[in-house]
């Protein structure tokens, strides 16, 4: 089984809850350049459906959605 990824709005009111079940933490997540989006990685063996992610589309397995100039490693990176 592969990891599952979602691109989530960084101002989502459920973001702290999402980080609680995600493999990614707020400190290690990839954020868009404008910090409006964050990439959420779920644990590879986690097949549950989370209500908090129901408004988001799962990323493709090759993460082609991130192959743009709008992504970086850390929201505070210069």
Protein backbone atom coordinates (compact mmCIF):
# COMPACT_ATOMS: atom_id res chain seq x y z
CA UNK A 1 0.00 0.00 0.00
CA UNK A 2 1.17 3.52 -0.80
CA UNK A 3 1.03 6.66 1.30
CA UNK A 4 -1.96 8.90 0.73
CA UNK A 5 -1.53 12.64 0.31
CA UNK A 6 -3.96 15.54 0.37
CA UNK A 7 -3.51 19.24 -0.31
CA UNK A 8 -5.39 21.08 2.42
CA UNK A 9 -6.08 24.75 3.03
CA UNK A 10 -3.69 25.92 5.73
CA UNK A 11 -6.48 27.94 7.35
CA UNK A 12 -8.78 24.93 7.63
CA UNK A 13 -10.43 25.00 11.05
CA UNK A 14 -9.70 21.26 11.42
CA UNK A 15 -6.00 21.49 10.57
CA UNK A 16 -4.80 20.64 14.10
CA UNK A 17 -7.04 17.58 14.14
CA UNK A 18 -5.79 16.59 10.68
CA UNK A 19 -2.19 16.83 11.90
CA UNK A 20 -3.13 14.59 14.86
CA UNK A 21 -3.82 11.62 12.54
CA UNK A 22 -1.40 12.52 9.74
CA UNK A 23 2.17 11.32 9.42
CA UNK A 24 3.13 14.93 8.67
CA UNK A 25 3.42 17.46 11.47
CA UNK A 26 2.94 21.22 11.25
CA UNK A 27 6.72 21.63 11.55
CA UNK A 28 7.66 19.17 8.81
CA UNK A 29 4.86 19.74 6.30
CA UNK A 30 5.34 21.16 2.83
CA UNK A 31 3.54 24.47 2.35
CA UNK A 32 2.74 26.39 -0.81
CA UNK A 33 4.79 29.52 -1.43
CA UNK A 34 1.99 31.74 -0.18
CA UNK A 35 1.41 29.35 2.77
CA UNK A 36 -2.25 28.97 1.81
CA UNK A 37 -1.98 25.19 1.21
CA UNK A 38 -0.29 22.37 3.06
CA UNK A 39 0.50 18.82 1.93
CA UNK A 40 -0.86 16.22 4.35
CA UNK A 41 0.69 12.75 4.32
CA UNK A 42 -1.23 9.90 5.93
CA UNK A 43 0.50 6.86 7.36
CA UNK A 44 0.99 4.15 4.72
CA UNK A 45 -1.18 1.60 6.52
CA UNK A 46 -3.96 4.08 7.34
CA UNK A 47 -6.96 3.26 5.17
CA UNK A 48 -9.58 5.08 7.24
CA UNK A 49 -11.81 7.74 5.73
CA UNK A 50 -11.56 11.03 7.64
CA UNK A 51 -14.45 13.48 7.64
CA UNK A 52 -11.91 16.33 7.98
CA UNK A 53 -10.51 15.44 4.54
CA UNK A 54 -13.86 14.91 2.81
CA UNK A 55 -13.72 18.31 1.06
CA UNK A 56 -10.26 17.61 -0.38
CA UNK A 57 -9.10 15.46 -3.27
CA UNK A 58 -6.43 12.85 -2.75
CA UNK A 59 -3.24 13.65 -4.67
CA UNK A 60 -1.95 11.42 -7.41
CA UNK A 61 0.59 8.80 -6.35
CA UNK A 62 3.45 10.64 -8.07
CA UNK A 63 2.53 13.99 -6.42
CA UNK A 64 2.50 15.75 -9.78
CA UNK A 65 0.36 18.45 -8.13
CA UNK A 66 3.53 19.70 -6.42
CA UNK A 67 5.59 20.04 -9.60
CA UNK A 68 5.08 23.77 -9.75
CA UNK A 69 6.93 26.82 -8.49
CA UNK A 70 4.24 27.30 -5.83
CA UNK A 71 5.61 24.78 -3.31
CA UNK A 72 8.43 24.79 -0.74
CA UNK A 73 9.51 22.77 2.30
CA UNK A 74 8.66 25.07 5.20
CA UNK A 75 6.29 28.03 5.55
CA UNK A 76 9.05 30.11 7.14
CA UNK A 77 11.78 29.26 4.66
CA UNK A 78 13.35 32.26 2.95
